[in-house]
């Protein structure tokens, strides 16, 4: 969704969810589907993400782009820290 922040939320969400799921998610989270993705609150992004984990099979989850997100792991004792560059 963040690759194209000027897209309407409806268009971006339909790449992940079915049409009915988009409607239900919109009603549940108070999301205005005609507004662009960049107007969504952090809470709305979280609700979309959690809903995706619940209803969308893993094979349909968006893929991480190596050029956009590079993950490096640094270990400090027992904890692991993720750094995005």
C-alpha atoms as a PDB file:
ATOM      1  CA  UNK A   1       0.000   0.000   0.000  1.00  0.00           C
ATOM      2  CA  UNK A   2       2.877   2.342   0.673  1.00  0.00           C
ATOM      3  CA  UNK A   3       4.422   1.886  -2.764  1.00  0.00           C
ATOM      4  CA  UNK A   4       1.737   4.169  -4.226  1.00  0.00           C
ATOM      5  CA  UNK A   5       0.542   6.498  -1.434  1.00  0.00           C
ATOM      6  CA  UNK A   6      -1.620   8.597  -3.773  1.00  0.00           C
ATOM      7  CA  UNK A   7      -3.841   5.671  -4.775  1.00  0.00           C
ATOM      8  CA  UNK A   8      -7.342   5.606  -3.335  1.00  0.00           C
ATOM      9  CA  UNK A   9      -7.517   3.254  -0.350  1.00  0.00           C
ATOM     10  CA  UNK A  10     -10.143   1.175  -2.185  1.00  0.00           C
ATOM     11  CA  UNK A  11      -7.747   0.476  -5.071  1.00  0.00           C
ATOM     12  CA  UNK A  12      -4.825  -0.390  -2.791  1.00  0.00           C
ATOM     13  CA  UNK A  13      -6.891  -2.666  -0.550  1.00  0.00           C
ATOM     14  CA  UNK A  14      -8.441  -4.515  -3.493  1.00  0.00           C
ATOM     15  CA  UNK A  15      -4.942  -5.740  -4.365  1.00  0.00           C
ATOM     16  CA  UNK A  16      -4.983  -7.695  -1.084  1.00  0.00           C
ATOM     17  CA  UNK A  17      -8.629  -8.224  -0.079  1.00  0.00           C
ATOM     18  CA  UNK A  18     -11.827  -9.287  -1.838  1.00  0.00           C
ATOM     19  CA  UNK A  19     -14.391  -6.586  -2.604  1.00  0.00           C
ATOM     20  CA  UNK A  20     -16.675  -7.599   0.292  1.00  0.00           C
ATOM     21  CA  UNK A  21     -13.715  -7.749   2.694  1.00  0.00           C
ATOM     22  CA  UNK A  22     -12.731  -4.200   1.688  1.00  0.00           C
ATOM     23  CA  UNK A  23     -16.263  -2.981   2.465  1.00  0.00           C
ATOM     24  CA  UNK A  24     -16.327  -4.734   5.852  1.00  0.00           C
ATOM     25  CA  UNK A  25     -12.869  -3.438   6.755  1.00  0.00           C
ATOM     26  CA  UNK A  26     -13.914   0.070   5.780  1.00  0.00           C
ATOM     27  CA  UNK A  27     -16.998  -0.059   8.005  1.00  0.00           C
ATOM     28  CA  UNK A  28     -15.114  -1.593  10.926  1.00  0.00           C
ATOM     29  CA  UNK A  29     -12.172   0.845  10.859  1.00  0.00           C
ATOM     30  CA  UNK A  30     -13.957   4.000   9.689  1.00  0.00           C
ATOM     31  CA  UNK A  31     -11.812   4.084   6.576  1.00  0.00           C
ATOM     32  CA  UNK A  32     -12.942   6.372   3.748  1.00  0.00           C
ATOM     33  CA  UNK A  33     -12.224   4.339   0.638  1.00  0.00           C
ATOM     34  CA  UNK A  34     -12.119   7.296  -1.754  1.00  0.00           C
ATOM     35  CA  UNK A  35      -9.346   9.018   0.224  1.00  0.00           C
ATOM     36  CA  UNK A  36      -5.738   8.311  -0.675  1.00  0.00           C
ATOM     37  CA  UNK A  37      -3.638   5.812   1.236  1.00  0.00           C
ATOM     38  CA  UNK A  38      -1.443   8.590   2.665  1.00  0.00           C
ATOM     39  CA  UNK A  39      -4.432   9.926   4.654  1.00  0.00           C
ATOM     40  CA  UNK A  40      -4.845   6.680   6.598  1.00  0.00           C
ATOM     41  CA  UNK A  41      -3.991   6.760  10.288  1.00  0.00           C
ATOM     42  CA  UNK A  42      -1.520   4.392  11.923  1.00  0.00           C
ATOM     43  CA  UNK A  43      -4.468   2.682  13.627  1.00  0.00           C
ATOM     44  CA  UNK A  44      -6.163   2.083  10.269  1.00  0.00           C
ATOM     45  CA  UNK A  45      -2.958   0.622   8.818  1.00  0.00           C
ATOM     46  CA  UNK A  46      -2.705  -1.658  11.833  1.00  0.00           C
ATOM     47  CA  UNK A  47      -6.320  -2.800  11.449  1.00  0.00           C
ATOM     48  CA  UNK A  48      -5.726  -3.565   7.755  1.00  0.00           C
ATOM     49  CA  UNK A  49      -2.576  -5.514   8.569  1.00  0.00           C
ATOM     50  CA  UNK A  50      -4.217  -7.558  11.336  1.00  0.00           C
ATOM     51  CA  UNK A  51      -7.226  -8.286   9.117  1.00  0.00           C
ATOM     52  CA  UNK A  52      -4.888  -9.402   6.322  1.00  0.00           C
ATOM     53  CA  UNK A  53      -3.168 -11.828   8.690  1.00  0.00           C
ATOM     54  CA  UNK A  54      -6.575 -13.231   9.690  1.00  0.00           C
ATOM     55  CA  UNK A  55      -8.373 -13.617   6.357  1.00  0.00           C
ATOM     56  CA  UNK A  56      -5.829 -13.617   3.522  1.00  0.00           C
ATOM     57  CA  UNK A  57      -3.873 -16.834   2.846  1.00  0.00           C
ATOM     58  CA  UNK A  58      -0.099 -16.436   3.226  1.00  0.00           C
ATOM     59  CA  UNK A  59       0.561 -17.013  -0.461  1.00  0.00           C
ATOM     60  CA  UNK A  60      -1.425 -13.849  -1.272  1.00  0.00           C
ATOM     61  CA  UNK A  61       0.354 -11.573   1.224  1.00  0.00           C
ATOM     62  CA  UNK A  62       2.334  -8.765  -0.419  1.00  0.00           C
ATOM     63  CA  UNK A  63       5.975  -9.645  -1.005  1.00  0.00           C
ATOM     64  CA  UNK A  64       8.745  -7.604   0.569  1.00  0.00           C
ATOM     65  CA  UNK A  65      10.784  -5.771  -2.024  1.00  0.00           C
ATOM     66  CA  UNK A  66      14.525  -6.055  -1.421  1.00  0.00           C
ATOM     67  CA  UNK A  67      15.089  -2.665  -3.022  1.00  0.00           C
ATOM     68  CA  UNK A  68      12.573  -0.970  -0.710  1.00  0.00           C
ATOM     69  CA  UNK A  69      13.271  -2.758   2.558  1.00  0.00           C
ATOM     70  CA  UNK A  70      16.602  -4.236   3.553  1.00  0.00           C
ATOM     71  CA  UNK A  71      16.584  -6.099   6.845  1.00  0.00           C
ATOM     72  CA  UNK A  72      19.739  -6.555   8.843  1.00  0.00           C
ATOM     73  CA  UNK A  73      19.833  -8.488  12.104  1.00  0.00           C
ATOM     74  CA  UNK A  74      22.106  -7.573  14.959  1.00  0.00           C
ATOM     75  CA  UNK A  75      22.218  -9.831  17.978  1.00  0.00           C
ATOM     76  CA  UNK A  76      22.697  -8.361  21.445  1.00  0.00           C
ATOM     77  CA  UNK A  77      22.736 -11.194  23.961  1.00  0.00           C
ATOM     78  CA  UNK A  78      19.377 -12.976  23.847  1.00  0.00           C
ATOM     79  CA  UNK A  79      17.459 -10.246  22.027  1.00  0.00           C
ATOM     80  CA  UNK A  80      17.455  -9.630  18.280  1.00  0.00           C
ATOM     81  CA  UNK A  81      17.205  -6.117  16.862  1.00  0.00           C
ATOM     82  CA  UNK A  82      15.985  -5.410  13.326  1.00  0.00           C
ATOM     83  CA  UNK A  83      17.357  -2.423  11.462  1.00  0.00           C
ATOM     84  CA  UNK A  84      15.683  -1.196   8.277  1.00  0.00           C
ATOM     85  CA  UNK A  85      17.773   0.753   5.814  1.00  0.00           C
END
